[in-house]
Amino acid sequence: MIRPQPLLLGLLLLSGVSLAAALLIGSVAVSPGTVWTVLWGGGDALQRAVLLELRLPRALSAFAVGGLLALAGALMQVLLRNPLADPYILGVSGGAAVFTLTAMLLGASGALLSGAAFGGALFTMLLVFALARRQGSWTPVRLLLTGVVIASGWAALIGFILAVSPDTTLRGMLFWLMGDLEFAARPYSAWAVLAAGLAVALVLARDLNVLARGDLQARALGVPVGVLFPLLYVGASLLTAAAVTLAGTVGFIGLIVPHLLRLVAGGDHRVLLPGAVLLGGSLLTAADTLARTVIAPQQLPVGVITALLGVPVFLYLLNRRGG
């Protein structure tokens, strides 16, 4: 196990490196000196446009989305006590996708698509919440089953929408479904949600350590499970909604990052949660840099890169744990 202080310091350094690489690497060559000059208010008009209007907002968006998904994944795995839980398992992304694709089909763009995505995610969160509690107090199993069923229904509607959509909108729909940061130019609201979510999660970190061992032990030690359970669900869902609104459905970050950190740092959520934000943000920022440069000038959906990287990493973690 790596000690908490060196681990978090190393992740903080990795975050800085990933953000710096996102500013330096691209179709237009930019030197470190130019980046420094532009960030301090200098540089010519082209350099300022490339860095401040294109690369910096996109890099900050990627980092925020990665942090949101990793934090939501860590909370969801505690909530459901399921190692395969990720931010999308309860159908939040499916609801956002159906609402967003429908808006695209109707000709909406820009802020309307973001509003549709957030509205769909929020609607799904409330729907699963209501159905899971309909017969009384809820359990992780009931919540998981309800979410999986709702997600399956959304998946069917997504397939229907794609089947009837004209070719002119189909490419944009597919990019959104695979995760796309090309138009993520306003990351500030996502950063606000990330900061608030991490602050609340750290307050609950000790209770999460106990809850991860089971309901009975948590209740015996005085953890308010009846309050903590819906709070975790709502918090993880809102974090996921913010990420989906900004970048579409980006896979694997919320699944593999908590596993990777538990492997190297243990299960203490006082370390795991901030570590997940830093590592998730760094990985998605690096993946987005690859997505826009690997076959430049053409850009790939960032979800393609995270899947290509995430599958072998997760299989490695699985085999190592099995060993």
C-alpha atoms as a PDB file:
ATOM      1  CA  MET A   1       0.000   0.000   0.000  1.00  0.00           C
ATOM      2  CA  ILE A   2       1.136   3.540  -0.767  1.00  0.00           C
ATOM      3  CA  ARG A   3       0.927   6.041   2.088  1.00  0.00           C
ATOM      4  CA  PRO A   4      -1.820   8.686   1.670  1.00  0.00           C
ATOM      5  CA  GLN A   5       0.379  11.790   1.546  1.00  0.00           C
ATOM      6  CA  PRO A   6       2.775  10.595  -1.206  1.00  0.00           C
ATOM      7  CA  LEU A   7      -0.150   9.143  -3.153  1.00  0.00           C
ATOM      8  CA  LEU A   8      -2.211  12.343  -3.162  1.00  0.00           C
ATOM      9  CA  LEU A   9       0.878  14.438  -3.909  1.00  0.00           C
ATOM     10  CA  GLY A  10       1.740  12.176  -6.851  1.00  0.00           C
ATOM     11  CA  LEU A  11      -1.838  12.369  -8.165  1.00  0.00           C
ATOM     12  CA  LEU A  12      -1.780  16.147  -7.841  1.00  0.00           C
ATOM     13  CA  LEU A  13       1.432  16.226  -9.877  1.00  0.00           C
ATOM     14  CA  LEU A  14      -0.135  13.887 -12.451  1.00  0.00           C
ATOM     15  CA  SER A  15      -3.107  16.245 -12.718  1.00  0.00           C
ATOM     16  CA  GLY A  16      -0.811  19.170 -13.475  1.00  0.00           C
ATOM     17  CA  VAL A  17       1.081  17.164 -16.091  1.00  0.00           C
ATOM     18  CA  SER A  18      -2.116  16.056 -17.844  1.00  0.00           C
ATOM     19  CA  LEU A  19      -3.488  19.613 -17.972  1.00  0.00           C
ATOM     20  CA  ALA A  20      -0.155  20.976 -19.222  1.00  0.00           C
ATOM     21  CA  ALA A  21      -0.006  18.306 -21.939  1.00  0.00           C
ATOM     22  CA  ALA A  22      -3.541  19.199 -23.039  1.00  0.00           C
ATOM     23  CA  LEU A  23      -2.434  22.802 -23.537  1.00  0.00           C
ATOM     24  CA  LEU A  24       0.818  21.963 -25.319  1.00  0.00           C
ATOM     25  CA  ILE A  25      -0.281  19.162 -27.641  1.00  0.00           C
ATOM     26  CA  GLY A  26      -2.453  19.783 -30.679  1.00  0.00           C
ATOM     27  CA  SER A  27      -2.563  20.579 -34.372  1.00  0.00           C
ATOM     28  CA  VAL A  28      -0.912  23.955 -33.699  1.00  0.00           C
ATOM     29  CA  ALA A  29       2.508  23.733 -32.042  1.00  0.00           C
ATOM     30  CA  VAL A  30       2.698  25.658 -28.764  1.00  0.00           C
ATOM     31  CA  SER A  31       5.796  25.910 -26.597  1.00  0.00           C
ATOM     32  CA  PRO A  32       5.767  25.909 -22.778  1.00  0.00           C
ATOM     33  CA  GLY A  33       6.996  29.506 -22.832  1.00  0.00           C
ATOM     34  CA  THR A  34       4.082  30.544 -25.030  1.00  0.00           C
ATOM     35  CA  VAL A  35       1.606  28.857 -22.705  1.00  0.00           C
ATOM     36  CA  TRP A  36       3.099  30.665 -19.727  1.00  0.00           C
ATOM     37  CA  THR A  37       2.996  34.003 -21.543  1.00  0.00           C
ATOM     38  CA  VAL A  38      -0.615  33.593 -22.630  1.00  0.00           C
ATOM     39  CA  LEU A  39      -1.788  32.499 -19.175  1.00  0.00           C
ATOM     40  CA  TRP A  40      -0.252  35.672 -17.750  1.00  0.00           C
ATOM     41  CA  GLY A  41      -2.058  37.897 -20.272  1.00  0.00           C
ATOM     42  CA  GLY A  42       0.457  38.076 -23.132  1.00  0.00           C
ATOM     43  CA  GLY A  43       0.760  36.412 -26.524  1.00  0.00           C
ATOM     44  CA  ASP A  44      -0.742  37.294 -29.907  1.00  0.00           C
ATOM     45  CA  ALA A  45      -4.380  36.910 -30.907  1.00  0.00           C
ATOM     46  CA  LEU A  46      -3.957  33.457 -32.495  1.00  0.00           C
ATOM     47  CA  GLN A  47      -2.114  32.035 -29.505  1.00  0.00           C
ATOM     48  CA  ARG A  48      -4.710  33.398 -27.093  1.00  0.00           C
ATOM     49  CA  ALA A  49      -7.554  32.015 -29.193  1.00  0.00           C
ATOM     50  CA  VAL A  50      -6.008  28.545 -29.399  1.00  0.00           C
ATOM     51  CA  LEU A  51      -5.148  28.303 -25.709  1.00  0.00           C
ATOM     52  CA  LEU A  52      -7.825  30.311 -23.913  1.00  0.00           C
ATOM     53  CA  GLU A  53     -10.837  29.653 -26.153  1.00  0.00           C
ATOM     54  CA  LEU A  54     -10.155  26.102 -27.348  1.00  0.00           C
ATOM     55  CA  ARG A  55      -7.660  24.062 -25.358  1.00  0.00           C
ATOM     56  CA  LEU A  56      -8.004  25.402 -21.812  1.00  0.00           C
ATOM     57  CA  PRO A  57     -11.830  25.167 -21.565  1.00  0.00           C
ATOM     58  CA  ARG A  58     -11.750  21.697 -23.102  1.00  0.00           C
ATOM     59  CA  ALA A  59      -8.988  20.510 -20.773  1.00  0.00           C
ATOM     60  CA  LEU A  60     -10.818  21.869 -17.723  1.00  0.00           C
ATOM     61  CA  SER A  61     -14.040  20.236 -18.944  1.00  0.00           C
ATOM     62  CA  ALA A  62     -12.316  16.879 -19.394  1.00  0.00           C
ATOM     63  CA  PHE A  63     -10.779  17.054 -15.925  1.00  0.00           C
ATOM     64  CA  ALA A  64     -14.095  17.998 -14.319  1.00  0.00           C
ATOM     65  CA  VAL A  65     -15.995  15.208 -16.102  1.00  0.00           C
ATOM     66  CA  GLY A  66     -13.352  12.633 -15.174  1.00  0.00           C
ATOM     67  CA  GLY A  67     -13.442  13.736 -11.551  1.00  0.00           C
ATOM     68  CA  LEU A  68     -17.238  13.676 -11.455  1.00  0.00           C
ATOM     69  CA  LEU A  69     -17.447  10.173 -12.919  1.00  0.00           C
ATOM     70  CA  ALA A  70     -14.725   8.746 -10.674  1.00  0.00           C
ATOM     71  CA  LEU A  71     -16.299  10.253  -7.550  1.00  0.00           C
ATOM     72  CA  ALA A  72     -19.766   9.046  -8.568  1.00  0.00           C
ATOM     73  CA  GLY A  73     -18.388   5.568  -9.260  1.00  0.00           C
ATOM     74  CA  ALA A  74     -16.727   5.367  -5.842  1.00  0.00           C
ATOM     75  CA  LEU A  75     -19.966   6.414  -4.121  1.00  0.00           C
ATOM     76  CA  MET A  76     -22.067   4.046  -6.219  1.00  0.00           C
ATOM     77  CA  GLN A  77     -19.863   1.069  -5.368  1.00  0.00           C
ATOM     78  CA  VAL A  78     -20.333   1.780  -1.659  1.00  0.00           C
ATOM     79  CA  LEU A  79     -24.054   2.368  -2.087  1.00  0.00           C
ATOM     80  CA  LEU A  80     -24.694  -0.873  -3.962  1.00  0.00           C
ATOM     81  CA  ARG A  81     -21.760  -2.813  -2.471  1.00  0.00           C
ATOM     82  CA  ASN A  82     -21.160  -4.128  -5.965  1.00  0.00           C
ATOM     83  CA  PRO A  83     -17.674  -4.038  -7.551  1.00  0.00           C
ATOM     84  CA  LEU A  84     -19.221  -3.713 -11.031  1.00  0.00           C
ATOM     85  CA  ALA A  85     -21.246  -0.620 -10.128  1.00  0.00           C
ATOM     86  CA  ASP A  86     -20.443   2.471 -12.167  1.00  0.00           C
ATOM     87  CA  PRO A  87     -22.128   5.876 -12.480  1.00  0.00           C
ATOM     88  CA  TYR A  88     -24.398   4.666 -15.289  1.00  0.00           C
ATOM     89  CA  ILE A  89     -25.687   1.445 -13.752  1.00  0.00           C
ATOM     90  CA  LEU A  90     -28.963   2.922 -12.491  1.00  0.00           C
ATOM     91  CA  GLY A  91     -30.021   4.377 -15.839  1.00  0.00           C
ATOM     92  CA  VAL A  92     -29.164   8.043 -15.297  1.00  0.00           C
ATOM     93  CA  SER A  93     -27.133   8.218 -18.497  1.00  0.00           C
ATOM     94  CA  GLY A  94     -29.856   6.381 -20.410  1.00  0.00           C
ATOM     95  CA  GLY A  95     -32.463   8.967 -19.442  1.00  0.00           C
ATOM     96  CA  ALA A  96     -30.100  11.782 -20.370  1.00  0.00           C
ATOM     97  CA  ALA A  97     -29.398  10.098 -23.718  1.00  0.00           C
ATOM     98  CA  VAL A  98     -33.080   9.654 -24.617  1.00  0.00           C
ATOM     99  CA  PHE A  99     -33.904  13.278 -23.810  1.00  0.00           C
ATOM    100  CA  THR A 100     -30.801  14.575 -25.638  1.00  0.00           C
ATOM    101  CA  LEU A 101     -31.268  12.447 -28.760  1.00  0.00           C
ATOM    102  CA  THR A 102     -34.920  13.469 -28.911  1.00  0.00           C
ATOM    103  CA  ALA A 103     -33.871  17.126 -28.714  1.00  0.00           C
ATOM    104  CA  MET A 104     -31.338  16.544 -31.517  1.00  0.00           C
ATOM    105  CA  LEU A 105     -34.050  14.904 -33.593  1.00  0.00           C
ATOM    106  CA  LEU A 106     -36.191  18.006 -33.116  1.00  0.00           C
ATOM    107  CA  GLY A 107     -33.360  20.275 -34.231  1.00  0.00           C
ATOM    108  CA  ALA A 108     -32.203  21.625 -30.874  1.00  0.00           C
ATOM    109  CA  SER A 109     -28.581  22.566 -30.228  1.00  0.00           C
ATOM    110  CA  GLY A 110     -26.286  24.246 -27.718  1.00  0.00           C
ATOM    111  CA  ALA A 111     -27.764  25.015 -24.310  1.00  0.00           C
ATOM    112  CA  LEU A 112     -30.996  23.219 -25.178  1.00  0.00           C
ATOM    113  CA  LEU A 113     -29.112  19.933 -25.520  1.00  0.00           C
ATOM    114  CA  SER A 114     -27.400  20.462 -22.173  1.00  0.00           C
ATOM    115  CA  GLY A 115     -30.755  21.228 -20.581  1.00  0.00           C
ATOM    116  CA  ALA A 116     -32.290  18.127 -22.146  1.00  0.00           C
ATOM    117  CA  ALA A 117     -29.452  15.941 -20.877  1.00  0.00           C
ATOM    118  CA  PHE A 118     -29.705  17.254 -17.336  1.00  0.00           C
ATOM    119  CA  GLY A 119     -33.508  17.012 -17.398  1.00  0.00           C
ATOM    120  CA  GLY A 120     -33.381  13.400 -18.559  1.00  0.00           C
ATOM    121  CA  ALA A 121     -30.845  12.474 -15.896  1.00  0.00           C
ATOM    122  CA  LEU A 122     -32.863  14.199 -13.171  1.00  0.00           C
ATOM    123  CA  PHE A 123     -36.100  12.554 -14.330  1.00  0.00           C
ATOM    124  CA  THR A 124     -34.474   9.111 -14.233  1.00  0.00           C
ATOM    125  CA  MET A 125     -33.049   9.745 -10.767  1.00  0.00           C
ATOM    126  CA  LEU A 126     -36.487  10.657  -9.417  1.00  0.00           C
ATOM    127  CA  LEU A 127     -38.181   7.767 -11.251  1.00  0.00           C
ATOM    128  CA  VAL A 128     -35.797   5.127  -9.894  1.00  0.00           C
ATOM    129  CA  PHE A 129     -35.989   6.706  -6.433  1.00  0.00           C
ATOM    130  CA  ALA A 130     -39.800   6.555  -6.433  1.00  0.00           C
ATOM    131  CA  LEU A 131     -40.070   3.011  -7.817  1.00  0.00           C
ATOM    132  CA  ALA A 132     -37.397   1.588  -5.525  1.00  0.00           C
ATOM    133  CA  ARG A 133     -39.223   2.909  -2.436  1.00  0.00           C
ATOM    134  CA  ARG A 134     -42.740   2.106  -3.556  1.00  0.00           C
ATOM    135  CA  GLN A 135     -43.094  -0.996  -1.373  1.00  0.00           C
ATOM    136  CA  GLY A 136     -41.511   0.572   1.702  1.00  0.00           C
ATOM    137  CA  SER A 137     -37.914   0.903   2.808  1.00  0.00           C
ATOM    138  CA  TRP A 138     -35.449   0.254   0.038  1.00  0.00           C
ATOM    139  CA  THR A 139     -32.393  -1.964  -0.154  1.00  0.00           C
ATOM    140  CA  PRO A 140     -29.328  -1.969  -2.436  1.00  0.00           C
ATOM    141  CA  VAL A 141     -30.705  -5.007  -4.278  1.00  0.00           C
ATOM    142  CA  ARG A 142     -34.084  -3.356  -4.925  1.00  0.00           C
ATOM    143  CA  LEU A 143     -32.417  -0.142  -6.058  1.00  0.00           C
ATOM    144  CA  LEU A 144     -30.045  -2.015  -8.358  1.00  0.00           C
ATOM    145  CA  LEU A 145     -32.783  -4.100  -9.960  1.00  0.00           C
ATOM    146  CA  THR A 146     -35.011  -1.068 -10.474  1.00  0.00           C
ATOM    147  CA  GLY A 147     -32.172   0.910 -12.026  1.00  0.00           C
ATOM    148  CA  VAL A 148     -31.125  -1.918 -14.333  1.00  0.00           C
ATOM    149  CA  VAL A 149     -34.690  -2.374 -15.593  1.00  0.00           C
ATOM    150  CA  ILE A 150     -35.115   1.359 -16.205  1.00  0.00           C
ATOM    151  CA  ALA A 151     -31.737   1.445 -17.990  1.00  0.00           C
ATOM    152  CA  SER A 152     -32.853  -1.409 -20.250  1.00  0.00           C
ATOM    153  CA  GLY A 153     -35.990   0.518 -21.160  1.00  0.00           C
ATOM    154  CA  TRP A 154     -33.960   3.613 -22.012  1.00  0.00           C
ATOM    155  CA  ALA A 155     -31.603   1.478 -24.125  1.00  0.00           C
ATOM    156  CA  ALA A 156     -34.556   0.254 -26.193  1.00  0.00           C
ATOM    157  CA  LEU A 157     -35.733   3.830 -26.757  1.00  0.00           C
ATOM    158  CA  ILE A 158     -32.196   4.888 -27.754  1.00  0.00           C
ATOM    159  CA  GLY A 159     -32.104   2.132 -30.365  1.00  0.00           C
ATOM    160  CA  PHE A 160     -35.492   3.249 -31.698  1.00  0.00           C
ATOM    161  CA  ILE A 161     -34.421   6.893 -31.944  1.00  0.00           C
ATOM    162  CA  LEU A 162     -31.215   5.960 -33.780  1.00  0.00           C
ATOM    163  CA  ALA A 163     -33.183   3.747 -36.176  1.00  0.00           C
ATOM    164  CA  VAL A 164     -35.595   6.521 -37.219  1.00  0.00           C
ATOM    165  CA  SER A 165     -33.085   9.411 -37.216  1.00  0.00           C
ATOM    166  CA  PRO A 166     -31.963  10.964 -40.519  1.00  0.00           C
ATOM    167  CA  ASP A 167     -28.344  10.576 -41.603  1.00  0.00           C
ATOM    168  CA  THR A 168     -27.706  14.284 -41.077  1.00  0.00           C
ATOM    169  CA  THR A 169     -28.074  13.977 -37.293  1.00  0.00           C
ATOM    170  CA  LEU A 170     -26.936  10.397 -36.796  1.00  0.00           C
ATOM    171  CA  ARG A 171     -23.201  11.163 -36.550  1.00  0.00           C
ATOM    172  CA  GLY A 172     -23.731  13.779 -33.840  1.00  0.00           C
ATOM    173  CA  MET A 173     -25.927  11.371 -31.905  1.00  0.00           C
ATOM    174  CA  LEU A 174     -23.336   8.605 -32.044  1.00  0.00           C
ATOM    175  CA  PHE A 175     -20.567  10.964 -30.917  1.00  0.00           C
ATOM    176  CA  TRP A 176     -22.670  12.089 -27.942  1.00  0.00           C
ATOM    177  CA  LEU A 177     -23.401   8.477 -26.999  1.00  0.00           C
ATOM    178  CA  MET A 178     -19.674   7.644 -27.065  1.00  0.00           C
ATOM    179  CA  GLY A 179     -18.644  10.774 -25.165  1.00  0.00           C
ATOM    180  CA  ASP A 180     -17.650  14.000 -26.877  1.00  0.00           C
ATOM    181  CA  LEU A 181     -15.908  17.051 -25.409  1.00  0.00           C
ATOM    182  CA  GLU A 182     -15.661  19.022 -28.640  1.00  0.00           C
ATOM    183  CA  PHE A 183     -18.335  21.519 -27.579  1.00  0.00           C
ATOM    184  CA  ALA A 184     -17.630  21.504 -23.835  1.00  0.00           C
ATOM    185  CA  ALA A 185     -16.625  25.157 -23.552  1.00  0.00           C
ATOM    186  CA  ARG A 186     -18.147  26.089 -20.168  1.00  0.00           C
ATOM    187  CA  PRO A 187     -16.750  23.815 -17.463  1.00  0.00           C
ATOM    188  CA  TYR A 188     -17.339  26.116 -14.512  1.00  0.00           C
ATOM    189  CA  SER A 189     -20.686  24.722 -13.396  1.00  0.00           C
ATOM    190  CA  ALA A 190     -19.250  21.195 -13.543  1.00  0.00           C
ATOM    191  CA  TRP A 191     -16.317  22.301 -11.383  1.00  0.00           C
ATOM    192  CA  ALA A 192     -18.741  23.812  -8.866  1.00  0.00           C
ATOM    193  CA  VAL A 193     -20.708  20.554  -8.684  1.00  0.00           C
ATOM    194  CA  LEU A 194     -17.459  18.581  -8.353  1.00  0.00           C
ATOM    195  CA  ALA A 195     -16.178  20.765  -5.499  1.00  0.00           C
ATOM    196  CA  ALA A 196     -19.502  20.600  -3.650  1.00  0.00           C
ATOM    197  CA  GLY A 197     -19.828  16.854  -4.170  1.00  0.00           C
ATOM    198  CA  LEU A 198     -16.304  16.145  -2.948  1.00  0.00           C
ATOM    199  CA  ALA A 199     -16.778  18.359   0.117  1.00  0.00           C
ATOM    200  CA  VAL A 200     -19.978  16.549   1.136  1.00  0.00           C
ATOM    201  CA  ALA A 201     -18.461  13.139   0.413  1.00  0.00           C
ATOM    202  CA  LEU A 202     -15.416  13.882   2.585  1.00  0.00           C
ATOM    203  CA  VAL A 203     -17.697  14.835   5.476  1.00  0.00           C
ATOM    204  CA  LEU A 204     -19.333  11.403   5.113  1.00  0.00           C
ATOM    205  CA  ALA A 205     -16.048   9.527   4.537  1.00  0.00           C
ATOM    206  CA  ARG A 206     -15.890   7.873   7.982  1.00  0.00           C
ATOM    207  CA  ASP A 207     -19.482   6.665   7.689  1.00  0.00           C
ATOM    208  CA  LEU A 208     -18.735   5.330   4.198  1.00  0.00           C
ATOM    209  CA  ASN A 209     -15.850   3.281   5.606  1.00  0.00           C
ATOM    210  CA  VAL A 210     -18.275   1.594   8.001  1.00  0.00           C
ATOM    211  CA  LEU A 211     -21.124   1.264   5.486  1.00  0.00           C
ATOM    212  CA  ALA A 212     -18.810  -0.545   3.067  1.00  0.00           C
ATOM    213  CA  ARG A 213     -18.670  -3.392   5.612  1.00  0.00           C
ATOM    214  CA  GLY A 214     -22.451  -3.892   5.588  1.00  0.00           C
ATOM    215  CA  ASP A 215     -25.722  -2.438   6.853  1.00  0.00           C
ATOM    216  CA  LEU A 216     -25.827  -4.372  10.105  1.00  0.00           C
ATOM    217  CA  GLN A 217     -22.377  -3.302  11.243  1.00  0.00           C
ATOM    218  CA  ALA A 218     -23.074   0.276  10.209  1.00  0.00           C
ATOM    219  CA  ARG A 219     -26.319   0.395  12.202  1.00  0.00           C
ATOM    220  CA  ALA A 220     -24.634  -1.193  15.203  1.00  0.00           C
ATOM    221  CA  LEU A 221     -21.966   1.513  15.164  1.00  0.00           C
ATOM    222  CA  GLY A 222     -24.525   4.302  14.982  1.00  0.00           C
ATOM    223  CA  VAL A 223     -24.293   5.203  11.298  1.00  0.00           C
ATOM    224  CA  PRO A 224     -27.642   6.704  10.138  1.00  0.00           C
ATOM    225  CA  VAL A 225     -28.096   4.268   7.242  1.00  0.00           C
ATOM    226  CA  GLY A 226     -31.660   5.400   6.576  1.00  0.00           C
ATOM    227  CA  VAL A 227     -30.432   8.916   5.841  1.00  0.00           C
ATOM    228  CA  LEU A 228     -27.078   8.015   4.302  1.00  0.00           C
ATOM    229  CA  PHE A 229     -28.494   5.615   1.723  1.00  0.00           C
ATOM    230  CA  PRO A 230     -30.743   8.105  -0.156  1.00  0.00           C
ATOM    231  CA  LEU A 231     -28.136  10.834   0.276  1.00  0.00           C
ATOM    232  CA  LEU A 232     -25.533   8.703  -1.497  1.00  0.00           C
ATOM    233  CA  TYR A 233     -27.969   7.836  -4.264  1.00  0.00           C
ATOM    234  CA  VAL A 234     -28.978  11.447  -4.901  1.00  0.00           C
ATOM    235  CA  GLY A 235     -25.378  12.670  -4.669  1.00  0.00           C
ATOM    236  CA  ALA A 236     -23.967  10.063  -7.062  1.00  0.00           C
ATOM    237  CA  SER A 237     -26.837  10.666  -9.490  1.00  0.00           C
ATOM    238  CA  LEU A 238     -26.337  14.428  -9.516  1.00  0.00           C
ATOM    239  CA  LEU A 239     -22.598  14.017 -10.080  1.00  0.00           C
ATOM    240  CA  THR A 240     -23.344  11.699 -13.002  1.00  0.00           C
ATOM    241  CA  ALA A 241     -25.952  14.096 -14.384  1.00  0.00           C
ATOM    242  CA  ALA A 242     -23.447  16.956 -14.365  1.00  0.00           C
ATOM    243  CA  ALA A 243     -20.862  14.823 -16.192  1.00  0.00           C
ATOM    244  CA  VAL A 244     -23.329  13.557 -18.800  1.00  0.00           C
ATOM    245  CA  THR A 245     -24.648  17.058 -19.413  1.00  0.00           C
ATOM    246  CA  LEU A 246     -21.168  18.301 -20.285  1.00  0.00           C
ATOM    247  CA  ALA A 247     -19.674  15.390 -22.230  1.00  0.00           C
ATOM    248  CA  GLY A 248     -22.238  12.693 -22.990  1.00  0.00           C
ATOM    249  CA  THR A 249     -21.642   9.127 -21.845  1.00  0.00           C
ATOM    250  CA  VAL A 250     -17.953   8.477 -21.212  1.00  0.00           C
ATOM    251  CA  GLY A 251     -17.346   4.891 -20.125  1.00  0.00           C
ATOM    252  CA  PHE A 252     -14.921   3.097 -17.802  1.00  0.00           C
ATOM    253  CA  ILE A 253     -13.610   6.079 -15.810  1.00  0.00           C
ATOM    254  CA  GLY A 254     -16.162   5.619 -13.033  1.00  0.00           C
ATOM    255  CA  LEU A 255     -15.562   1.867 -12.977  1.00  0.00           C
ATOM    256  CA  ILE A 256     -11.799   1.393 -13.060  1.00  0.00           C
ATOM    257  CA  VAL A 257     -10.534   4.426 -11.117  1.00  0.00           C
ATOM    258  CA  PRO A 258     -12.001   3.417  -7.714  1.00  0.00           C
ATOM    259  CA  HIS A 259     -10.734  -0.154  -8.211  1.00  0.00           C
ATOM    260  CA  LEU A 260      -7.263   1.045  -9.119  1.00  0.00           C
ATOM    261  CA  LEU A 261      -7.046   3.273  -6.067  1.00  0.00           C
ATOM    262  CA  ARG A 262      -8.333   0.592  -3.704  1.00  0.00           C
ATOM    263  CA  LEU A 263      -5.609  -1.673  -5.018  1.00  0.00           C
ATOM    264  CA  VAL A 264      -2.788   0.775  -4.263  1.00  0.00           C
ATOM    265  CA  ALA A 265      -4.199   2.756  -1.312  1.00  0.00           C
ATOM    266  CA  GLY A 266      -6.768   0.576   0.452  1.00  0.00           C
ATOM    267  CA  GLY A 267     -10.406   1.332   1.183  1.00  0.00           C
ATOM    268  CA  ASP A 268     -10.183   4.456   3.361  1.00  0.00           C
ATOM    269  CA  HIS A 269     -12.576   6.890   1.694  1.00  0.00           C
ATOM    270  CA  ARG A 270     -10.789   9.874   3.214  1.00  0.00           C
ATOM    271  CA  VAL A 271      -8.010   9.058   0.729  1.00  0.00           C
ATOM    272  CA  LEU A 272     -10.007   7.234  -1.930  1.00  0.00           C
ATOM    273  CA  LEU A 273     -12.446  10.060  -2.715  1.00  0.00           C
ATOM    274  CA  PRO A 274      -9.988  12.922  -3.377  1.00  0.00           C
ATOM    275  CA  GLY A 275      -7.654  10.443  -5.059  1.00  0.00           C
ATOM    276  CA  ALA A 276     -10.465   9.325  -7.366  1.00  0.00           C
ATOM    277  CA  VAL A 277     -11.184  12.923  -8.385  1.00  0.00           C
ATOM    278  CA  LEU A 278      -7.523  13.589  -9.209  1.00  0.00           C
ATOM    279  CA  LEU A 279      -6.908  10.309 -11.018  1.00  0.00           C
ATOM    280  CA  GLY A 280     -10.216  10.343 -12.894  1.00  0.00           C
ATOM    281  CA  GLY A 281      -9.653  13.907 -14.037  1.00  0.00           C
ATOM    282  CA  SER A 282      -6.091  13.173 -15.117  1.00  0.00           C
ATOM    283  CA  LEU A 283      -7.040  10.053 -17.070  1.00  0.00           C
ATOM    284  CA  LEU A 284      -9.894  11.678 -18.940  1.00  0.00           C
ATOM    285  CA  THR A 285      -7.807  14.766 -19.744  1.00  0.00           C
ATOM    286  CA  ALA A 286      -5.067  12.544 -21.173  1.00  0.00           C
ATOM    287  CA  ALA A 287      -7.639  10.461 -23.078  1.00  0.00           C
ATOM    288  CA  ASP A 288      -9.199  13.579 -24.587  1.00  0.00           C
ATOM    289  CA  THR A 289      -5.764  14.829 -25.672  1.00  0.00           C
ATOM    290  CA  LEU A 290      -5.265  11.525 -27.480  1.00  0.00           C
ATOM    291  CA  ALA A 291      -8.770  11.645 -28.948  1.00  0.00           C
ATOM    292  CA  ARG A 292      -8.162  14.995 -30.659  1.00  0.00           C
ATOM    293  CA  THR A 293      -4.583  14.324 -31.813  1.00  0.00           C
ATOM    294  CA  VAL A 294      -4.130  10.627 -32.613  1.00  0.00           C
ATOM    295  CA  ILE A 295      -5.657  10.923 -36.117  1.00  0.00           C
ATOM    296  CA  ALA A 296      -5.663  14.738 -36.392  1.00  0.00           C
ATOM    297  CA  PRO A 297      -7.273  16.724 -37.934  1.00  0.00           C
ATOM    298  CA  GLN A 298     -10.104  14.221 -37.413  1.00  0.00           C
ATOM    299  CA  GLN A 299     -11.239  13.820 -33.808  1.00  0.00           C
ATOM    300  CA  LEU A 300     -12.398  10.676 -32.050  1.00  0.00           C
ATOM    301  CA  PRO A 301     -15.068  10.456 -29.344  1.00  0.00           C
ATOM    302  CA  VAL A 302     -13.227  10.404 -26.031  1.00  0.00           C
ATOM    303  CA  GLY A 303     -15.277   7.382 -24.951  1.00  0.00           C
ATOM    304  CA  VAL A 304     -13.506   5.323 -27.616  1.00  0.00           C
ATOM    305  CA  ILE A 305     -10.134   6.074 -26.016  1.00  0.00           C
ATOM    306  CA  THR A 306     -11.333   5.398 -22.462  1.00  0.00           C
ATOM    307  CA  ALA A 307     -12.797   2.064 -23.554  1.00  0.00           C
ATOM    308  CA  LEU A 308      -9.620   1.032 -25.394  1.00  0.00           C
ATOM    309  CA  LEU A 309      -7.569   1.883 -22.317  1.00  0.00           C
ATOM    310  CA  GLY A 310     -10.099   0.745 -19.727  1.00  0.00           C
ATOM    311  CA  VAL A 311     -10.743  -2.796 -20.938  1.00  0.00           C
ATOM    312  CA  PRO A 312      -7.144  -4.084 -20.588  1.00  0.00           C
ATOM    313  CA  VAL A 313      -6.631  -2.156 -17.327  1.00  0.00           C
ATOM    314  CA  PHE A 314      -9.750  -3.636 -15.763  1.00  0.00           C
ATOM    315  CA  LEU A 315      -8.856  -7.153 -16.910  1.00  0.00           C
ATOM    316  CA  TYR A 316      -5.387  -6.699 -15.407  1.00  0.00           C
ATOM    317  CA  LEU A 317      -6.862  -5.549 -12.095  1.00  0.00           C
ATOM    318  CA  LEU A 318      -9.305  -8.455 -12.114  1.00  0.00           C
ATOM    319  CA  ASN A 319      -6.602 -11.047 -12.749  1.00  0.00           C
ATOM    320  CA  ARG A 320      -4.277  -9.497 -10.185  1.00  0.00           C
ATOM    321  CA  ARG A 321      -6.976  -9.562  -7.517  1.00  0.00           C
ATOM    322  CA  GLY A 322      -7.895 -13.100  -8.468  1.00  0.00           C
ATOM    323  CA  GLY A 323      -4.275 -14.081  -7.999  1.00  0.00           C
END
